[in-house]
Amino acid sequence: MKQAQINEATTVELQEEFASAKKLYSDLKMAHTISPLENPIQLRNHRRSIARIATELTKRDVQ
């Protein structure tokens, strides 16, 4: 998810996206453990996307 999309999304949408992104990352990580992924860079991309969403949620909670 791009930063512009994260900024425009509501808090509820971000929480839903956060949960689904963590689930997808977990599934990819497990699949990569069993047999190497064709594109292992997607693990890094998903991890960074999760971090972006988590940062935005934390920022909204503080304000």
PDB file of N, CA and C in Angstrom:
ATOM      1  N   MET A   1       0.850  -1.165   0.000  1.00  0.00           N
ATOM      2  CA  MET A   1       0.000   0.000   0.000  1.00  0.00           C
ATOM      3  C   MET A   1       0.900   1.235   0.000  1.00  0.00           C
ATOM      4  N   LYS A   2       0.621   2.156  -0.878  1.00  0.00           N
ATOM      5  CA  LYS A   2       1.423   3.373  -0.981  1.00  0.00           C
ATOM      6  C   LYS A   2       1.054   4.354   0.128  1.00  0.00           C
ATOM      7  N   GLN A   3       1.970   5.253   0.440  1.00  0.00           N
ATOM      8  CA  GLN A   3       1.771   6.209   1.526  1.00  0.00           C
ATOM      9  C   GLN A   3       0.568   7.114   1.264  1.00  0.00           C
ATOM     10  N   ALA A   4       0.355   7.516   0.019  1.00  0.00           N
ATOM     11  CA  ALA A   4      -0.791   8.367  -0.311  1.00  0.00           C
ATOM     12  C   ALA A   4      -2.102   7.649  -0.018  1.00  0.00           C
ATOM     13  N   GLN A   5      -2.166   6.362  -0.322  1.00  0.00           N
ATOM     14  CA  GLN A   5      -3.368   5.578  -0.044  1.00  0.00           C
ATOM     15  C   GLN A   5      -3.574   5.439   1.460  1.00  0.00           C
ATOM     16  N   ILE A   6      -2.503   5.278   2.184  1.00  0.00           N
ATOM     17  CA  ILE A   6      -2.591   5.142   3.642  1.00  0.00           C
ATOM     18  C   ILE A   6      -3.109   6.431   4.263  1.00  0.00           C
ATOM     19  N   ASN A   7      -2.626   7.562   3.781  1.00  0.00           N
ATOM     20  CA  ASN A   7      -3.059   8.851   4.320  1.00  0.00           C
ATOM     21  C   ASN A   7      -4.536   9.116   4.055  1.00  0.00           C
ATOM     22  N   GLU A   8      -5.051   8.644   2.935  1.00  0.00           N
ATOM     23  CA  GLU A   8      -6.445   8.886   2.561  1.00  0.00           C
ATOM     24  C   GLU A   8      -7.420   7.917   3.233  1.00  0.00           C
ATOM     25  N   ALA A   9      -6.939   6.770   3.656  1.00  0.00           N
ATOM     26  CA  ALA A   9      -7.806   5.736   4.220  1.00  0.00           C
ATOM     27  C   ALA A   9      -8.267   6.119   5.628  1.00  0.00           C
ATOM     28  N   THR A  10      -9.438   5.598   5.991  1.00  0.00           N
ATOM     29  CA  THR A  10      -9.942   5.833   7.339  1.00  0.00           C
ATOM     30  C   THR A  10      -9.232   4.888   8.311  1.00  0.00           C
ATOM     31  N   THR A  11      -9.376   5.160   9.580  1.00  0.00           N
ATOM     32  CA  THR A  11      -8.731   4.340  10.598  1.00  0.00           C
ATOM     33  C   THR A  11      -9.241   2.902  10.566  1.00  0.00           C
ATOM     34  N   VAL A  12     -10.535   2.731  10.358  1.00  0.00           N
ATOM     35  CA  VAL A  12     -11.116   1.386  10.304  1.00  0.00           C
ATOM     36  C   VAL A  12     -10.556   0.618   9.103  1.00  0.00           C
ATOM     37  N   GLU A  13     -10.461   1.284   7.955  1.00  0.00           N
ATOM     38  CA  GLU A  13      -9.898   0.639   6.773  1.00  0.00           C
ATOM     39  C   GLU A  13      -8.446   0.243   7.012  1.00  0.00           C
ATOM     40  N   LEU A  14      -7.704   1.112   7.689  1.00  0.00           N
ATOM     41  CA  LEU A  14      -6.297   0.810   7.972  1.00  0.00           C
ATOM     42  C   LEU A  14      -6.159  -0.383   8.902  1.00  0.00           C
ATOM     43  N   GLN A  15      -7.034  -0.472   9.897  1.00  0.00           N
ATOM     44  CA  GLN A  15      -6.981  -1.607  10.812  1.00  0.00           C
ATOM     45  C   GLN A  15      -7.276  -2.909  10.079  1.00  0.00           C
ATOM     46  N   GLU A  16      -8.253  -2.882   9.162  1.00  0.00           N
ATOM     47  CA  GLU A  16      -8.574  -4.074   8.380  1.00  0.00           C
ATOM     48  C   GLU A  16      -7.413  -4.447   7.460  1.00  0.00           C
ATOM     49  N   GLU A  17      -6.833  -3.440   6.812  1.00  0.00           N
ATOM     50  CA  GLU A  17      -5.705  -3.675   5.915  1.00  0.00           C
ATOM     51  C   GLU A  17      -4.496  -4.196   6.696  1.00  0.00           C
ATOM     52  N   PHE A  18      -4.291  -3.674   7.900  1.00  0.00           N
ATOM     53  CA  PHE A  18      -3.190  -4.119   8.752  1.00  0.00           C
ATOM     54  C   PHE A  18      -3.331  -5.598   9.083  1.00  0.00           C
ATOM     55  N   ALA A  19      -4.532  -6.002   9.463  1.00  0.00           N
ATOM     56  CA  ALA A  19      -4.765  -7.411   9.804  1.00  0.00           C
ATOM     57  C   ALA A  19      -4.555  -8.314   8.594  1.00  0.00           C
ATOM     58  N   SER A  20      -5.074  -7.917   7.448  1.00  0.00           N
ATOM     59  CA  SER A  20      -4.927  -8.755   6.258  1.00  0.00           C
ATOM     60  C   SER A  20      -3.479  -8.780   5.772  1.00  0.00           C
ATOM     61  N   ALA A  21      -2.770  -7.659   5.894  1.00  0.00           N
ATOM     62  CA  ALA A  21      -1.372  -7.611   5.468  1.00  0.00           C
ATOM     63  C   ALA A  21      -0.501  -8.490   6.360  1.00  0.00           C
ATOM     64  N   LYS A  22      -0.766  -8.493   7.657  1.00  0.00           N
ATOM     65  CA  LYS A  22      -0.002  -9.352   8.571  1.00  0.00           C
ATOM     66  C   LYS A  22      -0.258 -10.824   8.263  1.00  0.00           C
ATOM     67  N   LYS A  23      -1.505 -11.157   7.953  1.00  0.00           N
ATOM     68  CA  LYS A  23      -1.853 -12.541   7.612  1.00  0.00           C
ATOM     69  C   LYS A  23      -1.141 -12.950   6.330  1.00  0.00           C
ATOM     70  N   LEU A  24      -1.171 -12.090   5.314  1.00  0.00           N
ATOM     71  CA  LEU A  24      -0.516 -12.390   4.048  1.00  0.00           C
ATOM     72  C   LEU A  24       0.991 -12.540   4.238  1.00  0.00           C
ATOM     73  N   TYR A  25       1.598 -11.661   5.022  1.00  0.00           N
ATOM     74  CA  TYR A  25       3.035 -11.743   5.287  1.00  0.00           C
ATOM     75  C   TYR A  25       3.377 -13.044   5.997  1.00  0.00           C
ATOM     76  N   SER A  26       2.563 -13.417   6.957  1.00  0.00           N
ATOM     77  CA  SER A  26       2.788 -14.659   7.677  1.00  0.00           C
ATOM     78  C   SER A  26       2.717 -15.862   6.732  1.00  0.00           C
ATOM     79  N   ASP A  27       1.726 -15.858   5.847  1.00  0.00           N
ATOM     80  CA  ASP A  27       1.582 -16.951   4.883  1.00  0.00           C
ATOM     81  C   ASP A  27       2.767 -17.006   3.922  1.00  0.00           C
ATOM     82  N   LEU A  28       3.205 -15.833   3.445  1.00  0.00           N
ATOM     83  CA  LEU A  28       4.352 -15.793   2.542  1.00  0.00           C
ATOM     84  C   LEU A  28       5.623 -16.285   3.229  1.00  0.00           C
ATOM     85  N   LYS A  29       5.790 -15.884   4.477  1.00  0.00           N
ATOM     86  CA  LYS A  29       6.976 -16.287   5.233  1.00  0.00           C
ATOM     87  C   LYS A  29       6.992 -17.804   5.433  1.00  0.00           C
ATOM     88  N   MET A  30       5.834 -18.359   5.727  1.00  0.00           N
ATOM     89  CA  MET A  30       5.743 -19.811   5.907  1.00  0.00           C
ATOM     90  C   MET A  30       6.014 -20.528   4.583  1.00  0.00           C
ATOM     91  N   ALA A  31       5.464 -20.015   3.497  1.00  0.00           N
ATOM     92  CA  ALA A  31       5.697 -20.621   2.185  1.00  0.00           C
ATOM     93  C   ALA A  31       7.171 -20.536   1.803  1.00  0.00           C
ATOM     94  N   HIS A  32       7.817 -19.441   2.161  1.00  0.00           N
ATOM     95  CA  HIS A  32       9.234 -19.274   1.846  1.00  0.00           C
ATOM     96  C   HIS A  32      10.098 -20.224   2.674  1.00  0.00           C
ATOM     97  N   THR A  33       9.661 -20.545   3.866  1.00  0.00           N
ATOM     98  CA  THR A  33      10.393 -21.491   4.715  1.00  0.00           C
ATOM     99  C   THR A  33      10.334 -22.891   4.120  1.00  0.00           C
ATOM    100  N   ILE A  34       9.182 -23.257   3.614  1.00  0.00           N
ATOM    101  CA  ILE A  34       8.997 -24.596   3.062  1.00  0.00           C
ATOM    102  C   ILE A  34       9.737 -24.747   1.732  1.00  0.00           C
ATOM    103  N   SER A  35       9.493 -23.817   0.824  1.00  0.00           N
ATOM    104  CA  SER A  35      10.198 -23.819  -0.459  1.00  0.00           C
ATOM    105  C   SER A  35      10.403 -22.370  -0.877  1.00  0.00           C
ATOM    106  N   PRO A  36      11.552 -22.031  -1.422  1.00  0.00           N
ATOM    107  CA  PRO A  36      11.863 -20.634  -1.737  1.00  0.00           C
ATOM    108  C   PRO A  36      10.830 -19.994  -2.670  1.00  0.00           C
ATOM    109  N   LEU A  37      10.498 -18.749  -2.361  1.00  0.00           N
ATOM    110  CA  LEU A  37       9.582 -18.004  -3.209  1.00  0.00           C
ATOM    111  C   LEU A  37      10.272 -17.633  -4.513  1.00  0.00           C
ATOM    112  N   GLU A  38       9.466 -17.456  -5.544  1.00  0.00           N
ATOM    113  CA  GLU A  38      10.015 -17.027  -6.829  1.00  0.00           C
ATOM    114  C   GLU A  38      10.583 -15.621  -6.726  1.00  0.00           C
ATOM    115  N   ASN A  39       9.905 -14.766  -5.933  1.00  0.00           N
ATOM    116  CA  ASN A  39      10.355 -13.392  -5.751  1.00  0.00           C
ATOM    117  C   ASN A  39      10.420 -13.093  -4.244  1.00  0.00           C
ATOM    118  N   PRO A  40      11.545 -13.358  -3.606  1.00  0.00           N
ATOM    119  CA  PRO A  40      11.637 -13.153  -2.154  1.00  0.00           C
ATOM    120  C   PRO A  40      11.600 -11.685  -1.735  1.00  0.00           C
ATOM    121  N   ILE A  41      11.742 -10.771  -2.688  1.00  0.00           N
ATOM    122  CA  ILE A  41      11.681  -9.343  -2.382  1.00  0.00           C
ATOM    123  C   ILE A  41      10.289  -8.962  -1.889  1.00  0.00           C
ATOM    124  N   GLN A  42       9.280  -9.739  -2.252  1.00  0.00           N
ATOM    125  CA  GLN A  42       7.927  -9.411  -1.800  1.00  0.00           C
ATOM    126  C   GLN A  42       7.800  -9.524  -0.283  1.00  0.00           C
ATOM    127  N   LEU A  43       8.633 -10.326   0.361  1.00  0.00           N
ATOM    128  CA  LEU A  43       8.628 -10.376   1.825  1.00  0.00           C
ATOM    129  C   LEU A  43       8.999  -9.004   2.392  1.00  0.00           C
ATOM    130  N   ARG A  44      10.052  -8.414   1.853  1.00  0.00           N
ATOM    131  CA  ARG A  44      10.490  -7.098   2.322  1.00  0.00           C
ATOM    132  C   ARG A  44       9.428  -6.045   2.037  1.00  0.00           C
ATOM    133  N   ASN A  45       8.822  -6.103   0.854  1.00  0.00           N
ATOM    134  CA  ASN A  45       7.803  -5.117   0.498  1.00  0.00           C
ATOM    135  C   ASN A  45       6.593  -5.192   1.427  1.00  0.00           C
ATOM    136  N   HIS A  46       6.160  -6.398   1.748  1.00  0.00           N
ATOM    137  CA  HIS A  46       5.015  -6.559   2.649  1.00  0.00           C
ATOM    138  C   HIS A  46       5.364  -6.115   4.070  1.00  0.00           C
ATOM    139  N   ARG A  47       6.571  -6.442   4.516  1.00  0.00           N
ATOM    140  CA  ARG A  47       6.994  -6.023   5.847  1.00  0.00           C
ATOM    141  C   ARG A  47       7.027  -4.502   5.959  1.00  0.00           C
ATOM    142  N   ARG A  48       7.501  -3.840   4.935  1.00  0.00           N
ATOM    143  CA  ARG A  48       7.549  -2.377   4.947  1.00  0.00           C
ATOM    144  C   ARG A  48       6.152  -1.769   4.870  1.00  0.00           C
ATOM    145  N   SER A  49       5.279  -2.389   4.118  1.00  0.00           N
ATOM    146  CA  SER A  49       3.905  -1.916   4.033  1.00  0.00           C
ATOM    147  C   SER A  49       3.215  -2.019   5.396  1.00  0.00           C
ATOM    148  N   ILE A  50       3.451  -3.115   6.090  1.00  0.00           N
ATOM    149  CA  ILE A  50       2.893  -3.296   7.434  1.00  0.00           C
ATOM    150  C   ILE A  50       3.417  -2.209   8.362  1.00  0.00           C
ATOM    151  N   ALA A  51       4.687  -1.902   8.249  1.00  0.00           N
ATOM    152  CA  ALA A  51       5.285  -0.862   9.090  1.00  0.00           C
ATOM    153  C   ALA A  51       4.679   0.504   8.787  1.00  0.00           C
ATOM    154  N   ARG A  52       4.439   0.799   7.518  1.00  0.00           N
ATOM    155  CA  ARG A  52       3.815   2.079   7.147  1.00  0.00           C
ATOM    156  C   ARG A  52       2.425   2.207   7.763  1.00  0.00           C
ATOM    157  N   ILE A  53       1.646   1.138   7.661  1.00  0.00           N
ATOM    158  CA  ILE A  53       0.289   1.158   8.199  1.00  0.00           C
ATOM    159  C   ILE A  53       0.327   1.294   9.716  1.00  0.00           C
ATOM    160  N   ALA A  54       1.197   0.545  10.372  1.00  0.00           N
ATOM    161  CA  ALA A  54       1.305   0.604  11.830  1.00  0.00           C
ATOM    162  C   ALA A  54       1.727   1.999  12.285  1.00  0.00           C
ATOM    163  N   THR A  55       2.637   2.615  11.567  1.00  0.00           N
ATOM    164  CA  THR A  55       3.082   3.964  11.907  1.00  0.00           C
ATOM    165  C   THR A  55       1.937   4.956  11.789  1.00  0.00           C
ATOM    166  N   GLU A  56       1.161   4.853  10.727  1.00  0.00           N
ATOM    167  CA  GLU A  56       0.030   5.766  10.543  1.00  0.00           C
ATOM    168  C   GLU A  56      -1.018   5.554  11.633  1.00  0.00           C
ATOM    169  N   LEU A  57      -1.291   4.300  12.000  1.00  0.00           N
ATOM    170  CA  LEU A  57      -2.258   4.040  13.059  1.00  0.00           C
ATOM    171  C   LEU A  57      -1.779   4.616  14.391  1.00  0.00           C
ATOM    172  N   THR A  58      -0.497   4.469  14.677  1.00  0.00           N
ATOM    173  CA  THR A  58       0.059   5.015  15.911  1.00  0.00           C
ATOM    174  C   THR A  58      -0.014   6.535  15.899  1.00  0.00           C
ATOM    175  N   LYS A  59       0.289   7.117  14.769  1.00  0.00           N
ATOM    176  CA  LYS A  59       0.247   8.574  14.634  1.00  0.00           C
ATOM    177  C   LYS A  59      -1.175   9.094  14.869  1.00  0.00           C
ATOM    178  N   ARG A  60      -2.154   8.377  14.358  1.00  0.00           N
ATOM    179  CA  ARG A  60      -3.553   8.803  14.549  1.00  0.00           C
ATOM    180  C   ARG A  60      -4.000   8.631  15.976  1.00  0.00           C
ATOM    181  N   ASP A  61      -3.504   7.631  16.675  1.00  0.00           N
ATOM    182  CA  ASP A  61      -3.861   7.424  18.083  1.00  0.00           C
ATOM    183  C   ASP A  61      -3.312   8.524  18.969  1.00  0.00           C
ATOM    184  N   VAL A  62      -2.116   8.999  18.660  1.00  0.00           N
ATOM    185  CA  VAL A  62      -1.463  10.026  19.475  1.00  0.00           C
ATOM    186  C   VAL A  62      -2.177  11.354  19.354  1.00  0.00           C
ATOM    187  N   GLN A  63      -2.671  11.665  18.175  1.00  0.00           N
ATOM    188  CA  GLN A  63      -3.306  12.981  17.941  1.00  0.00           C
ATOM    189  C   GLN A  63      -4.620  13.111  18.584  1.00  0.00           C
TER     190      GLN A  63
END
